[in-house]
Amino acid sequence: MKINQAEYQLFQKLIFDEIGITLDNNKITLVQSRLYSRLNHHKIKSFSSYLKIVKENHKEKIEMINLITTNETYFFREEKHFEFLYSIIKQIKINQEFRVWSAASSVGAEAYSIAMVLDNYLARNQWEVVGTDINTEVIQKAKQGLYPESWIDKIPTKYKTKYCLKGRGRFEGEFIVDRSLIQNVHFTVNNLTRSNKTLGQFDMIFLRNVLLYFNQITKQQVLNNILDNLKIGGYFIISLTENLDGLDTRKLVKLKSSIYKKVG
């Protein structure tokens, strides 16, 4: 079963209308492969039939969004950003609170990486990490804090020893993030194209490997929403492979590649 161009265009429109993501034409094979299991699940033989189910069934629509928005992630991705985080928290005063938002947290590797750095240098009552994602399935995995043992290789030894517990029995081949660390890390489902005021204000926001999925208008909308949650003087971090070209960034000053400070 293959998705034809007309069917793909309908999926493109649906995804854009629901979550603001623009699916390029070169993603047609990826969409086809990711949704194929759902056609088998419903015992149907065309993507048009599946599209009809998605439009009529909210639960199935969530399943589809989860499949489309699953992205690669790993611990301590882009080391320079964690070096910058460390340089900032070294300046934090005793009893000063520090909140960080992992705005596209996927299964939680980024949020827990941030938490390990914060907890290693700050008192437990000083910091909080909030992780959000549009994908309901990855948020549930993030809350568990359970990962394949192979993922542990990316974690620096000092954090690996302190915060990672190897699984035993039915969890053999996996590791779990220390439960005491998880108490300060909170995950919730969130759509970046909408206002996020209920999340509160943050001292630092990570929005990495996300903007590339949006068109220019939606990028600006997402950026505006994100900056509403960033304190003046706070830091905004995107991926090393992304940029803010063509966007209104008057509230930001660029400190270095992919790292910005909010000034207004």
C-alpha atoms as a PDB file:
ATOM      1  CA  MET A   1       0.000   0.000   0.000  1.00  0.00           C
ATOM      2  CA  LYS A   2       1.365   3.341  -1.036  1.00  0.00           C
ATOM      3  CA  ILE A   3       0.145   6.840  -0.306  1.00  0.00           C
ATOM      4  CA  ASN A   4      -0.598   8.818  -3.452  1.00  0.00           C
ATOM      5  CA  GLN A   5       0.096  12.525  -3.903  1.00  0.00           C
ATOM      6  CA  ALA A   6      -3.529  13.593  -3.367  1.00  0.00           C
ATOM      7  CA  GLU A   7      -3.747  11.618  -0.109  1.00  0.00           C
ATOM      8  CA  TYR A   8      -0.418  13.004   1.063  1.00  0.00           C
ATOM      9  CA  GLN A   9      -1.569  16.569   0.468  1.00  0.00           C
ATOM     10  CA  LEU A  10      -4.590  15.920   2.698  1.00  0.00           C
ATOM     11  CA  PHE A  11      -2.295  14.615   5.457  1.00  0.00           C
ATOM     12  CA  GLN A  12      -0.040  17.639   5.008  1.00  0.00           C
ATOM     13  CA  LYS A  13      -3.004  19.968   5.519  1.00  0.00           C
ATOM     14  CA  LEU A  14      -4.311  18.027   8.519  1.00  0.00           C
ATOM     15  CA  ILE A  15      -0.920  18.015  10.280  1.00  0.00           C
ATOM     16  CA  PHE A  16      -0.439  21.720   9.613  1.00  0.00           C
ATOM     17  CA  ASP A  17      -3.929  22.607  10.855  1.00  0.00           C
ATOM     18  CA  GLU A  18      -3.515  20.521  14.019  1.00  0.00           C
ATOM     19  CA  ILE A  19       0.047  21.294  15.150  1.00  0.00           C
ATOM     20  CA  GLY A  20       1.509  23.823  12.694  1.00  0.00           C
ATOM     21  CA  ILE A  21       4.150  21.472  11.281  1.00  0.00           C
ATOM     22  CA  THR A  22       4.867  21.724   7.562  1.00  0.00           C
ATOM     23  CA  LEU A  23       5.571  18.320   6.019  1.00  0.00           C
ATOM     24  CA  ASP A  24       7.814  18.708   2.965  1.00  0.00           C
ATOM     25  CA  ASN A  25       7.059  16.706  -0.149  1.00  0.00           C
ATOM     26  CA  ASN A  26      10.224  14.666   0.436  1.00  0.00           C
ATOM     27  CA  LYS A  27       8.705  13.278   3.667  1.00  0.00           C
ATOM     28  CA  ILE A  28       6.085  11.232   1.806  1.00  0.00           C
ATOM     29  CA  THR A  29       7.968   7.929   2.240  1.00  0.00           C
ATOM     30  CA  LEU A  30       8.502   8.600   5.952  1.00  0.00           C
ATOM     31  CA  VAL A  31       4.803   9.338   6.506  1.00  0.00           C
ATOM     32  CA  GLN A  32       3.819   6.241   4.558  1.00  0.00           C
ATOM     33  CA  SER A  33       6.116   3.960   6.603  1.00  0.00           C
ATOM     34  CA  ARG A  34       5.094   5.427   9.966  1.00  0.00           C
ATOM     35  CA  LEU A  35       1.357   5.184   9.315  1.00  0.00           C
ATOM     36  CA  TYR A  36       1.421   1.765   7.685  1.00  0.00           C
ATOM     37  CA  SER A  37       1.010  -0.009  11.044  1.00  0.00           C
ATOM     38  CA  ARG A  38      -2.230   1.878  11.687  1.00  0.00           C
ATOM     39  CA  LEU A  39      -3.697   0.712   8.382  1.00  0.00           C
ATOM     40  CA  ASN A  40      -2.887  -2.858   9.419  1.00  0.00           C
ATOM     41  CA  HIS A  41      -4.383  -2.217  12.858  1.00  0.00           C
ATOM     42  CA  HIS A  42      -7.691  -1.127  11.353  1.00  0.00           C
ATOM     43  CA  LYS A  43      -7.529  -3.786   8.589  1.00  0.00           C
ATOM     44  CA  ILE A  44      -7.944  -1.208   5.831  1.00  0.00           C
ATOM     45  CA  LYS A  45      -6.235  -1.020   2.451  1.00  0.00           C
ATOM     46  CA  SER A  46      -5.939   2.665   1.634  1.00  0.00           C
ATOM     47  CA  PHE A  47      -4.626   5.849   3.209  1.00  0.00           C
ATOM     48  CA  SER A  48      -7.866   7.585   2.216  1.00  0.00           C
ATOM     49  CA  SER A  49      -9.785   5.175   4.458  1.00  0.00           C
ATOM     50  CA  TYR A  50      -7.338   5.843   7.272  1.00  0.00           C
ATOM     51  CA  LEU A  51      -7.704   9.596   6.831  1.00  0.00           C
ATOM     52  CA  LYS A  52     -11.463   9.223   7.261  1.00  0.00           C
ATOM     53  CA  ILE A  53     -10.926   7.354  10.553  1.00  0.00           C
ATOM     54  CA  VAL A  54      -8.522  10.041  11.769  1.00  0.00           C
ATOM     55  CA  LYS A  55     -11.027  12.797  11.096  1.00  0.00           C
ATOM     56  CA  GLU A  56     -13.818  10.952  12.906  1.00  0.00           C
ATOM     57  CA  ASN A  57     -11.855   9.564  15.855  1.00  0.00           C
ATOM     58  CA  HIS A  58      -9.937  11.939  18.140  1.00  0.00           C
ATOM     59  CA  LYS A  59      -7.986   9.100  19.766  1.00  0.00           C
ATOM     60  CA  GLU A  60      -6.769   7.938  16.367  1.00  0.00           C
ATOM     61  CA  LYS A  61      -5.812  11.493  15.469  1.00  0.00           C
ATOM     62  CA  ILE A  62      -3.563  11.549  18.557  1.00  0.00           C
ATOM     63  CA  GLU A  63      -2.046   8.209  17.482  1.00  0.00           C
ATOM     64  CA  MET A  64      -1.271   9.670  14.062  1.00  0.00           C
ATOM     65  CA  ILE A  65       0.292  12.833  15.501  1.00  0.00           C
ATOM     66  CA  ASN A  66       2.423  10.714  17.838  1.00  0.00           C
ATOM     67  CA  LEU A  67       3.741   8.647  14.934  1.00  0.00           C
ATOM     68  CA  ILE A  68       4.483  11.672  12.748  1.00  0.00           C
ATOM     69  CA  THR A  69       6.246  13.680  15.494  1.00  0.00           C
ATOM     70  CA  THR A  70       8.572  11.006  16.897  1.00  0.00           C
ATOM     71  CA  ASN A  71      12.121  12.373  16.517  1.00  0.00           C
ATOM     72  CA  GLU A  72      15.669  11.286  17.301  1.00  0.00           C
ATOM     73  CA  THR A  73      17.013  12.288  20.696  1.00  0.00           C
ATOM     74  CA  TYR A  74      19.819  11.353  23.088  1.00  0.00           C
ATOM     75  CA  PHE A  75      21.439  12.521  26.316  1.00  0.00           C
ATOM     76  CA  PHE A  76      23.763  15.558  26.355  1.00  0.00           C
ATOM     77  CA  ARG A  77      23.164  16.338  22.696  1.00  0.00           C
ATOM     78  CA  GLU A  78      25.229  19.334  21.521  1.00  0.00           C
ATOM     79  CA  GLU A  79      27.761  19.500  24.340  1.00  0.00           C
ATOM     80  CA  LYS A  80      28.441  23.232  23.894  1.00  0.00           C
ATOM     81  CA  HIS A  81      24.978  24.037  25.207  1.00  0.00           C
ATOM     82  CA  PHE A  82      25.611  22.156  28.426  1.00  0.00           C
ATOM     83  CA  GLU A  83      28.935  23.932  28.824  1.00  0.00           C
ATOM     84  CA  PHE A  84      27.030  27.211  28.516  1.00  0.00           C
ATOM     85  CA  LEU A  85      24.422  26.043  31.043  1.00  0.00           C
ATOM     86  CA  TYR A  86      27.209  25.244  33.483  1.00  0.00           C
ATOM     87  CA  SER A  87      28.797  28.688  32.981  1.00  0.00           C
ATOM     88  CA  ILE A  88      25.465  30.316  33.874  1.00  0.00           C
ATOM     89  CA  ILE A  89      24.582  28.269  36.940  1.00  0.00           C
ATOM     90  CA  LYS A  90      28.040  28.908  38.406  1.00  0.00           C
ATOM     91  CA  GLN A  91      26.889  32.524  38.795  1.00  0.00           C
ATOM     92  CA  ILE A  92      23.651  31.684  40.621  1.00  0.00           C
ATOM     93  CA  LYS A  93      23.452  32.904  44.190  1.00  0.00           C
ATOM     94  CA  ILE A  94      22.428  30.831  47.200  1.00  0.00           C
ATOM     95  CA  ASN A  95      18.634  30.462  47.392  1.00  0.00           C
ATOM     96  CA  GLN A  96      18.188  31.913  43.881  1.00  0.00           C
ATOM     97  CA  GLU A  97      15.715  29.788  41.911  1.00  0.00           C
ATOM     98  CA  PHE A  98      16.462  28.653  38.363  1.00  0.00           C
ATOM     99  CA  ARG A  99      13.798  27.263  36.000  1.00  0.00           C
ATOM    100  CA  VAL A 100      14.531  25.672  32.636  1.00  0.00           C
ATOM    101  CA  TRP A 101      12.054  24.687  29.928  1.00  0.00           C
ATOM    102  CA  SER A 102      12.848  21.842  27.543  1.00  0.00           C
ATOM    103  CA  ALA A 103      10.238  22.917  25.009  1.00  0.00           C
ATOM    104  CA  ALA A 104      10.443  19.872  22.720  1.00  0.00           C
ATOM    105  CA  SER A 105      11.497  17.254  25.229  1.00  0.00           C
ATOM    106  CA  SER A 106      10.583  14.083  23.293  1.00  0.00           C
ATOM    107  CA  VAL A 107      11.227  11.098  25.609  1.00  0.00           C
ATOM    108  CA  GLY A 108      12.997  13.288  28.172  1.00  0.00           C
ATOM    109  CA  ALA A 109      16.696  12.843  27.428  1.00  0.00           C
ATOM    110  CA  GLU A 110      17.251  16.596  27.064  1.00  0.00           C
ATOM    111  CA  ALA A 111      15.271  17.477  30.191  1.00  0.00           C
ATOM    112  CA  TYR A 112      17.089  14.913  32.342  1.00  0.00           C
ATOM    113  CA  SER A 113      20.472  15.994  30.944  1.00  0.00           C
ATOM    114  CA  ILE A 114      19.681  19.558  32.026  1.00  0.00           C
ATOM    115  CA  ALA A 115      18.477  18.292  35.418  1.00  0.00           C
ATOM    116  CA  MET A 116      21.706  16.381  36.044  1.00  0.00           C
ATOM    117  CA  VAL A 117      23.782  19.510  35.500  1.00  0.00           C
ATOM    118  CA  LEU A 118      21.511  21.663  37.688  1.00  0.00           C
ATOM    119  CA  ASP A 119      21.309  19.145  40.512  1.00  0.00           C
ATOM    120  CA  ASN A 120      25.040  18.594  40.549  1.00  0.00           C
ATOM    121  CA  TYR A 121      25.693  22.270  41.300  1.00  0.00           C
ATOM    122  CA  LEU A 122      22.541  23.645  42.927  1.00  0.00           C
ATOM    123  CA  ALA A 123      20.514  22.727  45.978  1.00  0.00           C
ATOM    124  CA  ARG A 124      17.486  20.567  45.238  1.00  0.00           C
ATOM    125  CA  ASN A 125      15.091  23.381  46.241  1.00  0.00           C
ATOM    126  CA  GLN A 126      16.716  25.843  43.816  1.00  0.00           C
ATOM    127  CA  TRP A 127      15.872  24.370  40.451  1.00  0.00           C
ATOM    128  CA  GLU A 128      13.090  22.958  38.288  1.00  0.00           C
ATOM    129  CA  VAL A 129      12.988  21.565  34.751  1.00  0.00           C
ATOM    130  CA  VAL A 130       9.763  21.462  32.734  1.00  0.00           C
ATOM    131  CA  GLY A 131       9.623  19.243  29.652  1.00  0.00           C
ATOM    132  CA  THR A 132       6.869  19.561  27.052  1.00  0.00           C
ATOM    133  CA  ASP A 133       6.031  17.914  23.744  1.00  0.00           C
ATOM    134  CA  ILE A 134       3.039  17.632  21.406  1.00  0.00           C
ATOM    135  CA  ASN A 135       3.485  13.849  21.347  1.00  0.00           C
ATOM    136  CA  THR A 136       1.506  12.218  24.182  1.00  0.00           C
ATOM    137  CA  GLU A 137       3.357   8.916  23.879  1.00  0.00           C
ATOM    138  CA  VAL A 138       6.852  10.345  24.355  1.00  0.00           C
ATOM    139  CA  ILE A 139       5.659  12.387  27.346  1.00  0.00           C
ATOM    140  CA  GLN A 140       4.555   9.173  29.061  1.00  0.00           C
ATOM    141  CA  LYS A 141       7.968   7.618  28.355  1.00  0.00           C
ATOM    142  CA  ALA A 142       9.687  10.728  29.697  1.00  0.00           C
ATOM    143  CA  LYS A 143       7.774  10.479  32.964  1.00  0.00           C
ATOM    144  CA  GLN A 144       9.029   6.908  33.399  1.00  0.00           C
ATOM    145  CA  GLY A 145      12.667   7.931  32.968  1.00  0.00           C
ATOM    146  CA  LEU A 146      13.529   4.447  31.644  1.00  0.00           C
ATOM    147  CA  TYR A 147      15.932   4.102  28.693  1.00  0.00           C
ATOM    148  CA  PRO A 148      17.926   1.521  26.696  1.00  0.00           C
ATOM    149  CA  GLU A 149      21.278   0.822  28.341  1.00  0.00           C
ATOM    150  CA  SER A 150      23.070   1.841  25.130  1.00  0.00           C
ATOM    151  CA  TRP A 151      21.904   5.441  25.683  1.00  0.00           C
ATOM    152  CA  ILE A 152      23.985   5.710  28.844  1.00  0.00           C
ATOM    153  CA  ASP A 153      27.194   5.986  26.786  1.00  0.00           C
ATOM    154  CA  LYS A 154      26.436   9.643  25.952  1.00  0.00           C
ATOM    155  CA  ILE A 155      26.217  10.646  29.626  1.00  0.00           C
ATOM    156  CA  PRO A 156      29.417  11.990  31.262  1.00  0.00           C
ATOM    157  CA  THR A 157      30.820   9.590  33.872  1.00  0.00           C
ATOM    158  CA  LYS A 158      30.208  11.893  36.875  1.00  0.00           C
ATOM    159  CA  TYR A 159      26.492  12.114  36.045  1.00  0.00           C
ATOM    160  CA  LYS A 160      26.206   8.484  34.985  1.00  0.00           C
ATOM    161  CA  THR A 161      27.523   7.319  38.355  1.00  0.00           C
ATOM    162  CA  LYS A 162      25.354   9.682  40.365  1.00  0.00           C
ATOM    163  CA  TYR A 163      22.014   9.611  38.556  1.00  0.00           C
ATOM    164  CA  CYS A 164      21.696   6.402  36.477  1.00  0.00           C
ATOM    165  CA  LEU A 165      20.659   3.017  37.874  1.00  0.00           C
ATOM    166  CA  LYS A 166      21.077  -0.146  35.790  1.00  0.00           C
ATOM    167  CA  GLY A 167      17.964  -2.268  35.459  1.00  0.00           C
ATOM    168  CA  ARG A 168      17.666  -5.796  36.841  1.00  0.00           C
ATOM    169  CA  GLY A 169      15.253  -8.620  36.117  1.00  0.00           C
ATOM    170  CA  ARG A 170      12.618  -7.547  33.614  1.00  0.00           C
ATOM    171  CA  PHE A 171      14.472  -4.221  33.224  1.00  0.00           C
ATOM    172  CA  GLU A 172      17.718  -5.929  32.187  1.00  0.00           C
ATOM    173  CA  GLY A 173      19.329  -3.991  29.325  1.00  0.00           C
ATOM    174  CA  GLU A 174      17.829  -0.691  30.475  1.00  0.00           C
ATOM    175  CA  PHE A 175      18.692   2.038  32.963  1.00  0.00           C
ATOM    176  CA  ILE A 176      16.492   4.348  34.975  1.00  0.00           C
ATOM    177  CA  VAL A 177      17.058   7.951  36.021  1.00  0.00           C
ATOM    178  CA  ASP A 178      17.352   8.264  39.798  1.00  0.00           C
ATOM    179  CA  ARG A 179      13.922   8.840  41.343  1.00  0.00           C
ATOM    180  CA  SER A 180      15.142  11.711  43.547  1.00  0.00           C
ATOM    181  CA  LEU A 181      16.161  13.658  40.414  1.00  0.00           C
ATOM    182  CA  ILE A 182      12.808  13.063  38.763  1.00  0.00           C
ATOM    183  CA  GLN A 183      11.018  14.880  41.598  1.00  0.00           C
ATOM    184  CA  ASN A 184      12.235  18.189  40.157  1.00  0.00           C
ATOM    185  CA  VAL A 185      11.446  17.373  36.528  1.00  0.00           C
ATOM    186  CA  HIS A 186       7.881  17.752  35.284  1.00  0.00           C
ATOM    187  CA  PHE A 187       6.481  16.728  31.891  1.00  0.00           C
ATOM    188  CA  THR A 188       3.287  17.790  30.162  1.00  0.00           C
ATOM    189  CA  VAL A 189       1.756  17.756  26.688  1.00  0.00           C
ATOM    190  CA  ASN A 190       1.943  21.143  24.998  1.00  0.00           C
ATOM    191  CA  ASN A 191       1.434  22.750  21.592  1.00  0.00           C
ATOM    192  CA  LEU A 192       4.059  25.391  20.847  1.00  0.00           C
ATOM    193  CA  THR A 193       1.829  27.182  18.354  1.00  0.00           C
ATOM    194  CA  ARG A 194      -0.444  28.207  21.219  1.00  0.00           C
ATOM    195  CA  SER A 195       0.052  30.411  24.290  1.00  0.00           C
ATOM    196  CA  ASN A 196       1.922  28.676  27.118  1.00  0.00           C
ATOM    197  CA  LYS A 197       1.367  31.207  29.906  1.00  0.00           C
ATOM    198  CA  THR A 198       0.256  28.545  32.391  1.00  0.00           C
ATOM    199  CA  LEU A 199       3.816  27.174  32.399  1.00  0.00           C
ATOM    200  CA  GLY A 200       5.130  30.348  34.030  1.00  0.00           C
ATOM    201  CA  GLN A 201       8.419  32.171  33.519  1.00  0.00           C
ATOM    202  CA  PHE A 202      11.787  30.571  32.833  1.00  0.00           C
ATOM    203  CA  ASP A 203      15.438  31.562  33.173  1.00  0.00           C
ATOM    204  CA  MET A 204      16.464  29.411  30.210  1.00  0.00           C
ATOM    205  CA  ILE A 205      14.549  27.768  27.359  1.00  0.00           C
ATOM    206  CA  PHE A 206      15.832  25.024  25.067  1.00  0.00           C
ATOM    207  CA  LEU A 207      14.017  24.828  21.700  1.00  0.00           C
ATOM    208  CA  ARG A 208      16.313  22.619  19.666  1.00  0.00           C
ATOM    209  CA  ASN A 209      15.658  20.816  16.375  1.00  0.00           C
ATOM    210  CA  VAL A 210      12.087  22.113  16.227  1.00  0.00           C
ATOM    211  CA  LEU A 211      11.855  25.309  14.181  1.00  0.00           C
ATOM    212  CA  LEU A 212      12.981  23.524  11.016  1.00  0.00           C
ATOM    213  CA  TYR A 213       9.586  21.758  10.931  1.00  0.00           C
ATOM    214  CA  PHE A 214       7.624  25.022  10.642  1.00  0.00           C
ATOM    215  CA  ASN A 215       7.110  27.496   7.831  1.00  0.00           C
ATOM    216  CA  GLN A 216       8.275  31.076   8.357  1.00  0.00           C
ATOM    217  CA  ILE A 217       4.936  32.380   9.654  1.00  0.00           C
ATOM    218  CA  THR A 218       4.559  29.553  12.163  1.00  0.00           C
ATOM    219  CA  LYS A 219       8.201  29.916  13.239  1.00  0.00           C
ATOM    220  CA  GLN A 220       7.491  33.515  14.220  1.00  0.00           C
ATOM    221  CA  GLN A 221       4.340  32.467  16.060  1.00  0.00           C
ATOM    222  CA  VAL A 222       6.236  29.787  18.003  1.00  0.00           C
ATOM    223  CA  LEU A 223       9.109  32.148  18.768  1.00  0.00           C
ATOM    224  CA  ASN A 224       6.724  34.815  20.089  1.00  0.00           C
ATOM    225  CA  ASN A 225       4.985  32.260  22.299  1.00  0.00           C
ATOM    226  CA  ILE A 226       8.283  30.953  23.646  1.00  0.00           C
ATOM    227  CA  LEU A 227       9.639  34.408  24.436  1.00  0.00           C
ATOM    228  CA  ASP A 228       6.495  35.240  26.413  1.00  0.00           C
ATOM    229  CA  ASN A 229       7.682  32.596  28.892  1.00  0.00           C
ATOM    230  CA  LEU A 230      11.289  33.782  29.051  1.00  0.00           C
ATOM    231  CA  LYS A 231      12.346  36.286  31.683  1.00  0.00           C
ATOM    232  CA  ILE A 232      14.148  39.413  30.550  1.00  0.00           C
ATOM    233  CA  GLY A 233      17.800  38.506  30.965  1.00  0.00           C
ATOM    234  CA  GLY A 234      16.978  34.844  30.364  1.00  0.00           C
ATOM    235  CA  TYR A 235      18.601  32.619  27.742  1.00  0.00           C
ATOM    236  CA  PHE A 236      17.108  31.048  24.607  1.00  0.00           C
ATOM    237  CA  ILE A 237      18.887  28.112  22.953  1.00  0.00           C
ATOM    238  CA  ILE A 238      18.234  26.544  19.551  1.00  0.00           C
ATOM    239  CA  SER A 239      20.109  23.761  17.749  1.00  0.00           C
ATOM    240  CA  LEU A 240      23.570  24.408  16.317  1.00  0.00           C
ATOM    241  CA  THR A 241      22.130  23.519  12.893  1.00  0.00           C
ATOM    242  CA  GLU A 242      19.281  26.069  13.076  1.00  0.00           C
ATOM    243  CA  ASN A 243      19.012  29.846  12.786  1.00  0.00           C
ATOM    244  CA  LEU A 244      16.485  32.636  13.291  1.00  0.00           C
ATOM    245  CA  ASP A 245      17.035  34.239   9.886  1.00  0.00           C
ATOM    246  CA  GLY A 246      14.079  36.246   8.649  1.00  0.00           C
ATOM    247  CA  LEU A 247      12.364  36.339  12.044  1.00  0.00           C
ATOM    248  CA  ASP A 248      11.646  39.311  14.292  1.00  0.00           C
ATOM    249  CA  THR A 249      14.295  38.924  16.999  1.00  0.00           C
ATOM    250  CA  ARG A 250      14.274  42.454  18.423  1.00  0.00           C
ATOM    251  CA  LYS A 251      13.777  41.055  21.926  1.00  0.00           C
ATOM    252  CA  LEU A 252      16.933  38.965  21.607  1.00  0.00           C
ATOM    253  CA  VAL A 253      20.648  39.574  21.405  1.00  0.00           C
ATOM    254  CA  LYS A 254      22.865  36.827  20.003  1.00  0.00           C
ATOM    255  CA  LEU A 255      25.615  35.790  22.428  1.00  0.00           C
ATOM    256  CA  LYS A 256      27.123  33.041  20.283  1.00  0.00           C
ATOM    257  CA  SER A 257      26.039  30.501  17.689  1.00  0.00           C
ATOM    258  CA  SER A 258      22.532  29.209  18.654  1.00  0.00           C
ATOM    259  CA  ILE A 259      22.487  31.021  22.038  1.00  0.00           C
ATOM    260  CA  TYR A 260      20.502  34.222  22.669  1.00  0.00           C
ATOM    261  CA  LYS A 261      19.673  36.474  25.596  1.00  0.00           C
ATOM    262  CA  LYS A 262      16.309  38.209  26.014  1.00  0.00           C
ATOM    263  CA  VAL A 263      16.768  41.961  26.413  1.00  0.00           C
ATOM    264  CA  GLY A 264      13.271  43.302  25.972  1.00  0.00           C
END
